[in-house]
Amino acid sequence: MSGMDGRLEAVLDAAYACFVRHGLKRTTMDDIAHEVGLSRPTLYLSVRNKDEAFAMVARRLLDRAGAAAAEAAQSQGELAQRVAGVLETKLRLAITLNRDSPAHAQEFLSVGSRLLGMMVTDYEASLAELVTDLLADQVPRVDAAETAAILVALTFGLESDLTDPDIALDRLRRAVRLIIGGLMVSGR
């Protein structure tokens, strides 16, 4: 890793710490510079402004979650396990953000965000596509895209109460098993 790549990673780590602590509106470039231990002019060599830093932090979070989802889709195991694994990456991202910043977690995941709307929408579409592909491959007589949309919506619903993350994850796994089991029996 080059010095610039290492510095950018450190800047993004510091920016994340500031954003989860203060939120986007209250975080300043001075906060990020202080957190990473750089001067403001040096910080500007890595990011132009806090909006760009926020977008880069969010992109990194979504890329990592997307890679984990793709890995879950390719894993060995039963269909329900693989589908749940894909969807768990979304739920685990929400759990992490909620743990790190209960007051500001939604800033990172809102499709209504002026900075991240399309990024979040694309991430969610990629999850639905992974689930659609898994279902189409294993349960051909089912409308895979519609079923995937239902499963993704179910995952969003579970994000509304993350007071006990283990319960939310268990509910997701059980719901996926029930839906997939029903599809396998009925073929619909």
Foldseek 3Di string as FASTA:
>chain_A
DDPLVVLLVLLLVLLVLQCLVPNLVPDFLVSSCVSSVHDSVVSCVNPVTSLRSLLVNLLVLLVVLLVQLVVLLPDDDDLLSSLLSNLVSVLVSLLVSCVSHVPHSCQSQPLPHPRCNVVNVVSLVSSLVSQLVSCCVPLVLDNSSVVSVVLNVLSVVLSVDVPPVVVSSVVSSVVSCVVVVVCVVVSD
